[in-house]
Amino acid sequence: MILTEREYQIAGCIASDMSEKMIAEKLFISPGTVHAHKKNIRKKWGVCTNVGIAVKYILQLKAPYKI
């Protein structure tokens, strides 16, 4: 399922190992809003954890980089 632009931004931040508080500060939104977006991302992508979000995000990149 396709994410909104904001959800995709948040997925990228999660893949960069940022906490909810760090994401909220970077995007000028509340941590509660970040939490709600994470819940929607997990539901849309069928994953249960931040690791699942990060993996899906990285796999969707056009040219995945080596970690």
PDB file of N, CA and C in Angstrom:
ATOM      1  N   MET A   1       0.849  -1.184   0.000  1.00  0.00           N
ATOM      2  CA  MET A   1       0.000   0.000   0.000  1.00  0.00           C
ATOM      3  C   MET A   1       0.890   1.241   0.000  1.00  0.00           C
ATOM      4  N   ILE A   2       0.442   2.278  -0.633  1.00  0.00           N
ATOM      5  CA  ILE A   2       1.223   3.503  -0.790  1.00  0.00           C
ATOM      6  C   ILE A   2       1.096   4.394   0.446  1.00  0.00           C
ATOM      7  N   LEU A   3       2.228   4.932   0.880  1.00  0.00           N
ATOM      8  CA  LEU A   3       2.256   5.844   2.020  1.00  0.00           C
ATOM      9  C   LEU A   3       2.042   7.276   1.557  1.00  0.00           C
ATOM     10  N   THR A   4       1.570   8.113   2.472  1.00  0.00           N
ATOM     11  CA  THR A   4       1.510   9.545   2.188  1.00  0.00           C
ATOM     12  C   THR A   4       2.941  10.082   2.207  1.00  0.00           C
ATOM     13  N   GLU A   5       3.122  11.291   1.723  1.00  0.00           N
ATOM     14  CA  GLU A   5       4.452  11.897   1.716  1.00  0.00           C
ATOM     15  C   GLU A   5       5.016  11.995   3.136  1.00  0.00           C
ATOM     16  N   ARG A   6       4.193  12.390   4.096  1.00  0.00           N
ATOM     17  CA  ARG A   6       4.644  12.527   5.479  1.00  0.00           C
ATOM     18  C   ARG A   6       5.002  11.166   6.076  1.00  0.00           C
ATOM     19  N   GLU A   7       4.174  10.160   5.800  1.00  0.00           N
ATOM     20  CA  GLU A   7       4.475   8.820   6.296  1.00  0.00           C
ATOM     21  C   GLU A   7       5.801   8.323   5.724  1.00  0.00           C
ATOM     22  N   TYR A   8       6.045   8.597   4.458  1.00  0.00           N
ATOM     23  CA  TYR A   8       7.298   8.179   3.829  1.00  0.00           C
ATOM     24  C   TYR A   8       8.491   8.902   4.460  1.00  0.00           C
ATOM     25  N   GLN A   9       8.315  10.196   4.782  1.00  0.00           N
ATOM     26  CA  GLN A   9       9.378  10.941   5.476  1.00  0.00           C
ATOM     27  C   GLN A   9       9.680  10.281   6.823  1.00  0.00           C
ATOM     28  N   ILE A  10       8.647   9.934   7.542  1.00  0.00           N
ATOM     29  CA  ILE A  10       8.810   9.326   8.858  1.00  0.00           C
ATOM     30  C   ILE A  10       9.453   7.951   8.731  1.00  0.00           C
ATOM     31  N   ALA A  11       9.059   7.178   7.735  1.00  0.00           N
ATOM     32  CA  ALA A  11       9.684   5.873   7.511  1.00  0.00           C
ATOM     33  C   ALA A  11      11.183   6.045   7.256  1.00  0.00           C
ATOM     34  N   GLY A  12      11.555   7.072   6.511  1.00  0.00           N
ATOM     35  CA  GLY A  12      12.968   7.343   6.265  1.00  0.00           C
ATOM     36  C   GLY A  12      13.712   7.699   7.541  1.00  0.00           C
ATOM     37  N   CYS A  13      13.074   8.469   8.390  1.00  0.00           N
ATOM     38  CA  CYS A  13      13.687   8.823   9.669  1.00  0.00           C
ATOM     39  C   CYS A  13      13.854   7.586  10.548  1.00  0.00           C
ATOM     40  N   ILE A  14      12.867   6.711  10.534  1.00  0.00           N
ATOM     41  CA  ILE A  14      12.958   5.475  11.307  1.00  0.00           C
ATOM     42  C   ILE A  14      14.116   4.630  10.774  1.00  0.00           C
ATOM     43  N   ALA A  15      14.247   4.567   9.458  1.00  0.00           N
ATOM     44  CA  ALA A  15      15.352   3.816   8.845  1.00  0.00           C
ATOM     45  C   ALA A  15      16.701   4.428   9.206  1.00  0.00           C
ATOM     46  N   SER A  16      16.703   5.710   9.541  1.00  0.00           N
ATOM     47  CA  SER A  16      17.930   6.392   9.965  1.00  0.00           C
ATOM     48  C   SER A  16      18.146   6.286  11.473  1.00  0.00           C
ATOM     49  N   ASP A  17      17.354   5.459  12.135  1.00  0.00           N
ATOM     50  CA  ASP A  17      17.477   5.176  13.574  1.00  0.00           C
ATOM     51  C   ASP A  17      17.151   6.378  14.455  1.00  0.00           C
ATOM     52  N   MET A  18      16.155   7.164  14.055  1.00  0.00           N
ATOM     53  CA  MET A  18      15.726   8.311  14.851  1.00  0.00           C
ATOM     54  C   MET A  18      14.574   7.897  15.763  1.00  0.00           C
ATOM     55  N   SER A  19      14.555   8.445  16.974  1.00  0.00           N
ATOM     56  CA  SER A  19      13.469   8.192  17.918  1.00  0.00           C
ATOM     57  C   SER A  19      12.249   9.041  17.536  1.00  0.00           C
ATOM     58  N   GLU A  20      11.118   8.727  18.151  1.00  0.00           N
ATOM     59  CA  GLU A  20       9.909   9.525  17.894  1.00  0.00           C
ATOM     60  C   GLU A  20      10.147  10.986  18.245  1.00  0.00           C
ATOM     61  N   LYS A  21      10.814  11.235  19.366  1.00  0.00           N
ATOM     62  CA  LYS A  21      11.086  12.606  19.788  1.00  0.00           C
ATOM     63  C   LYS A  21      11.977  13.330  18.769  1.00  0.00           C
ATOM     64  N   MET A  22      12.998  12.647  18.289  1.00  0.00           N
ATOM     65  CA  MET A  22      13.898  13.249  17.301  1.00  0.00           C
ATOM     66  C   MET A  22      13.164  13.553  15.995  1.00  0.00           C
ATOM     67  N   ILE A  23      12.314  12.624  15.561  1.00  0.00           N
ATOM     68  CA  ILE A  23      11.536  12.826  14.332  1.00  0.00           C
ATOM     69  C   ILE A  23      10.598  14.017  14.510  1.00  0.00           C
ATOM     70  N   ALA A  24       9.926  14.076  15.658  1.00  0.00           N
ATOM     71  CA  ALA A  24       8.993  15.173  15.937  1.00  0.00           C
ATOM     72  C   ALA A  24       9.710  16.522  15.867  1.00  0.00           C
ATOM     73  N   GLU A  25      10.888  16.601  16.470  1.00  0.00           N
ATOM     74  CA  GLU A  25      11.643  17.856  16.453  1.00  0.00           C
ATOM     75  C   GLU A  25      12.086  18.220  15.038  1.00  0.00           C
ATOM     76  N   LYS A  26      12.524  17.225  14.279  1.00  0.00           N
ATOM     77  CA  LYS A  26      12.990  17.481  12.906  1.00  0.00           C
ATOM     78  C   LYS A  26      11.851  17.962  12.009  1.00  0.00           C
ATOM     79  N   LEU A  27      10.664  17.351  12.152  1.00  0.00           N
ATOM     80  CA  LEU A  27       9.544  17.654  11.256  1.00  0.00           C
ATOM     81  C   LEU A  27       8.562  18.677  11.835  1.00  0.00           C
ATOM     82  N   PHE A  28       8.869  19.198  13.038  1.00  0.00           N
ATOM     83  CA  PHE A  28       8.021  20.207  13.686  1.00  0.00           C
ATOM     84  C   PHE A  28       6.589  19.725  13.897  1.00  0.00           C
ATOM     85  N   ILE A  29       6.475  18.485  14.409  1.00  0.00           N
ATOM     86  CA  ILE A  29       5.178  17.917  14.762  1.00  0.00           C
ATOM     87  C   ILE A  29       5.307  17.315  16.160  1.00  0.00           C
ATOM     88  N   SER A  30       4.193  16.924  16.755  1.00  0.00           N
ATOM     89  CA  SER A  30       4.254  16.365  18.113  1.00  0.00           C
ATOM     90  C   SER A  30       4.657  14.893  18.059  1.00  0.00           C
ATOM     91  N   PRO A  31       5.260  14.395  19.152  1.00  0.00           N
ATOM     92  CA  PRO A  31       5.586  12.966  19.212  1.00  0.00           C
ATOM     93  C   PRO A  31       4.345  12.079  19.056  1.00  0.00           C
ATOM     94  N   GLY A  32       3.208  12.547  19.522  1.00  0.00           N
ATOM     95  CA  GLY A  32       1.963  11.797  19.360  1.00  0.00           C
ATOM     96  C   GLY A  32       1.577  11.640  17.893  1.00  0.00           C
ATOM     97  N   THR A  33       1.818  12.687  17.123  1.00  0.00           N
ATOM     98  CA  THR A  33       1.541  12.627  15.683  1.00  0.00           C
ATOM     99  C   THR A  33       2.484  11.637  15.011  1.00  0.00           C
ATOM    100  N   VAL A  34       3.744  11.647  15.414  1.00  0.00           N
ATOM    101  CA  VAL A  34       4.712  10.681  14.880  1.00  0.00           C
ATOM    102  C   VAL A  34       4.233   9.267  15.194  1.00  0.00           C
ATOM    103  N   HIS A  35       3.806   9.054  16.437  1.00  0.00           N
ATOM    104  CA  HIS A  35       3.328   7.737  16.854  1.00  0.00           C
ATOM    105  C   HIS A  35       2.140   7.291  15.992  1.00  0.00           C
ATOM    106  N   ALA A  36       1.212   8.195  15.726  1.00  0.00           N
ATOM    107  CA  ALA A  36       0.041   7.871  14.900  1.00  0.00           C
ATOM    108  C   ALA A  36       0.466   7.515  13.473  1.00  0.00           C
ATOM    109  N   HIS A  37       1.410   8.269  12.924  1.00  0.00           N
ATOM    110  CA  HIS A  37       1.908   7.960  11.580  1.00  0.00           C
ATOM    111  C   HIS A  37       2.593   6.598  11.548  1.00  0.00           C
ATOM    112  N   LYS A  38       3.382   6.288  12.585  1.00  0.00           N
ATOM    113  CA  LYS A  38       4.047   4.985  12.646  1.00  0.00           C
ATOM    114  C   LYS A  38       3.020   3.857  12.663  1.00  0.00           C
ATOM    115  N   LYS A  39       1.950   4.048  13.397  1.00  0.00           N
ATOM    116  CA  LYS A  39       0.885   3.040  13.460  1.00  0.00           C
ATOM    117  C   LYS A  39       0.283   2.819  12.073  1.00  0.00           C
ATOM    118  N   ASN A  40       0.043   3.920  11.352  1.00  0.00           N
ATOM    119  CA  ASN A  40      -0.516   3.820  10.002  1.00  0.00           C
ATOM    120  C   ASN A  40       0.465   3.143   9.043  1.00  0.00           C
ATOM    121  N   ILE A  41       1.749   3.458   9.170  1.00  0.00           N
ATOM    122  CA  ILE A  41       2.769   2.848   8.311  1.00  0.00           C
ATOM    123  C   ILE A  41       2.805   1.337   8.553  1.00  0.00           C
ATOM    124  N   ARG A  42       2.831   0.941   9.828  1.00  0.00           N
ATOM    125  CA  ARG A  42       2.868  -0.492  10.152  1.00  0.00           C
ATOM    126  C   ARG A  42       1.654  -1.216   9.576  1.00  0.00           C
ATOM    127  N   LYS A  43       0.493  -0.601   9.674  1.00  0.00           N
ATOM    128  CA  LYS A  43      -0.733  -1.212   9.151  1.00  0.00           C
ATOM    129  C   LYS A  43      -0.674  -1.333   7.626  1.00  0.00           C
ATOM    130  N   LYS A  44      -0.280  -0.252   6.950  1.00  0.00           N
ATOM    131  CA  LYS A  44      -0.225  -0.258   5.490  1.00  0.00           C
ATOM    132  C   LYS A  44       0.813  -1.239   4.953  1.00  0.00           C
ATOM    133  N   TRP A  45       1.959  -1.338   5.625  1.00  0.00           N
ATOM    134  CA  TRP A  45       3.046  -2.196   5.143  1.00  0.00           C
ATOM    135  C   TRP A  45       3.006  -3.593   5.748  1.00  0.00           C
ATOM    136  N   GLY A  46       2.107  -3.843   6.676  1.00  0.00           N
ATOM    137  CA  GLY A  46       1.976  -5.164   7.270  1.00  0.00           C
ATOM    138  C   GLY A  46       3.182  -5.599   8.087  1.00  0.00           C
ATOM    139  N   VAL A  47       3.750  -4.654   8.834  1.00  0.00           N
ATOM    140  CA  VAL A  47       4.900  -4.955   9.694  1.00  0.00           C
ATOM    141  C   VAL A  47       4.536  -4.641  11.144  1.00  0.00           C
ATOM    142  N   CYS A  48       5.353  -5.168  12.069  1.00  0.00           N
ATOM    143  CA  CYS A  48       5.036  -5.007  13.495  1.00  0.00           C
ATOM    144  C   CYS A  48       6.005  -4.126  14.264  1.00  0.00           C
ATOM    145  N   THR A  49       7.173  -3.846  13.688  1.00  0.00           N
ATOM    146  CA  THR A  49       8.211  -3.146  14.437  1.00  0.00           C
ATOM    147  C   THR A  49       8.863  -2.046  13.597  1.00  0.00           C
ATOM    148  N   ASN A  50       9.693  -1.243  14.274  1.00  0.00           N
ATOM    149  CA  ASN A  50      10.476  -0.233  13.563  1.00  0.00           C
ATOM    150  C   ASN A  50      11.456  -0.882  12.592  1.00  0.00           C
ATOM    151  N   VAL A  51      11.966  -2.051  12.960  1.00  0.00           N
ATOM    152  CA  VAL A  51      12.884  -2.766  12.065  1.00  0.00           C
ATOM    153  C   VAL A  51      12.156  -3.130  10.770  1.00  0.00           C
ATOM    154  N   GLY A  52      10.926  -3.581  10.899  1.00  0.00           N
ATOM    155  CA  GLY A  52      10.123  -3.899   9.717  1.00  0.00           C
ATOM    156  C   GLY A  52       9.924  -2.687   8.828  1.00  0.00           C
ATOM    157  N   ILE A  53       9.652  -1.539   9.441  1.00  0.00           N
ATOM    158  CA  ILE A  53       9.494  -0.294   8.674  1.00  0.00           C
ATOM    159  C   ILE A  53      10.794   0.042   7.965  1.00  0.00           C
ATOM    160  N   ALA A  54      11.914  -0.053   8.677  1.00  0.00           N
ATOM    161  CA  ALA A  54      13.215   0.284   8.093  1.00  0.00           C
ATOM    162  C   ALA A  54      13.547  -0.635   6.919  1.00  0.00           C
ATOM    163  N   VAL A  55      13.300  -1.925   7.080  1.00  0.00           N
ATOM    164  CA  VAL A  55      13.592  -2.881   6.005  1.00  0.00           C
ATOM    165  C   VAL A  55      12.752  -2.567   4.771  1.00  0.00           C
ATOM    166  N   LYS A  56      11.461  -2.369   4.956  1.00  0.00           N
ATOM    167  CA  LYS A  56      10.579  -2.051   3.824  1.00  0.00           C
ATOM    168  C   LYS A  56      11.009  -0.758   3.140  1.00  0.00           C
ATOM    169  N   TYR A  57      11.378   0.247   3.939  1.00  0.00           N
ATOM    170  CA  TYR A  57      11.807   1.529   3.382  1.00  0.00           C
ATOM    171  C   TYR A  57      13.062   1.338   2.526  1.00  0.00           C
ATOM    172  N   ILE A  58      14.039   0.636   3.063  1.00  0.00           N
ATOM    173  CA  ILE A  58      15.300   0.440   2.343  1.00  0.00           C
ATOM    174  C   ILE A  58      15.073  -0.378   1.077  1.00  0.00           C
ATOM    175  N   LEU A  59      14.235  -1.389   1.136  1.00  0.00           N
ATOM    176  CA  LEU A  59      13.962  -2.207  -0.042  1.00  0.00           C
ATOM    177  C   LEU A  59      13.240  -1.430  -1.136  1.00  0.00           C
ATOM    178  N   GLN A  60      12.542  -0.360  -0.769  1.00  0.00           N
ATOM    179  CA  GLN A  60      11.829   0.430  -1.759  1.00  0.00           C
ATOM    180  C   GLN A  60      12.685   1.514  -2.405  1.00  0.00           C
ATOM    181  N   LEU A  61      13.890   1.721  -1.900  1.00  0.00           N
ATOM    182  CA  LEU A  61      14.780   2.693  -2.511  1.00  0.00           C
ATOM    183  C   LEU A  61      15.171   2.209  -3.902  1.00  0.00           C
ATOM    184  N   LYS A  62      15.372   3.127  -4.816  1.00  0.00           N
ATOM    185  CA  LYS A  62      15.731   2.744  -6.189  1.00  0.00           C
ATOM    186  C   LYS A  62      17.083   2.067  -6.246  1.00  0.00           C
ATOM    187  N   ALA A  63      18.034   2.564  -5.454  1.00  0.00           N
ATOM    188  CA  ALA A  63      19.378   1.990  -5.445  1.00  0.00           C
ATOM    189  C   ALA A  63      19.792   1.778  -4.003  1.00  0.00           C
ATOM    190  N   PRO A  64      19.357   0.664  -3.376  1.00  0.00           N
ATOM    191  CA  PRO A  64      19.723   0.443  -1.973  1.00  0.00           C
ATOM    192  C   PRO A  64      21.234   0.473  -1.771  1.00  0.00           C
ATOM    193  N   TYR A  65      21.632   1.054  -0.687  1.00  0.00           N
ATOM    194  CA  TYR A  65      23.051   1.158  -0.367  1.00  0.00           C
ATOM    195  C   TYR A  65      23.439   0.054   0.601  1.00  0.00           C
ATOM    196  N   LYS A  66      24.704  -0.259   0.621  1.00  0.00           N
ATOM    197  CA  LYS A  66      25.180  -1.288   1.544  1.00  0.00           C
ATOM    198  C   LYS A  66      25.365  -0.685   2.922  1.00  0.00           C
ATOM    199  N   ILE A  67      24.983  -1.455   3.925  1.00  0.00           N
ATOM    200  CA  ILE A  67      25.118  -0.995   5.304  1.00  0.00           C
ATOM    201  C   ILE A  67      26.406  -1.554   5.880  1.00  0.00           C
TER     202      ILE A  67
END
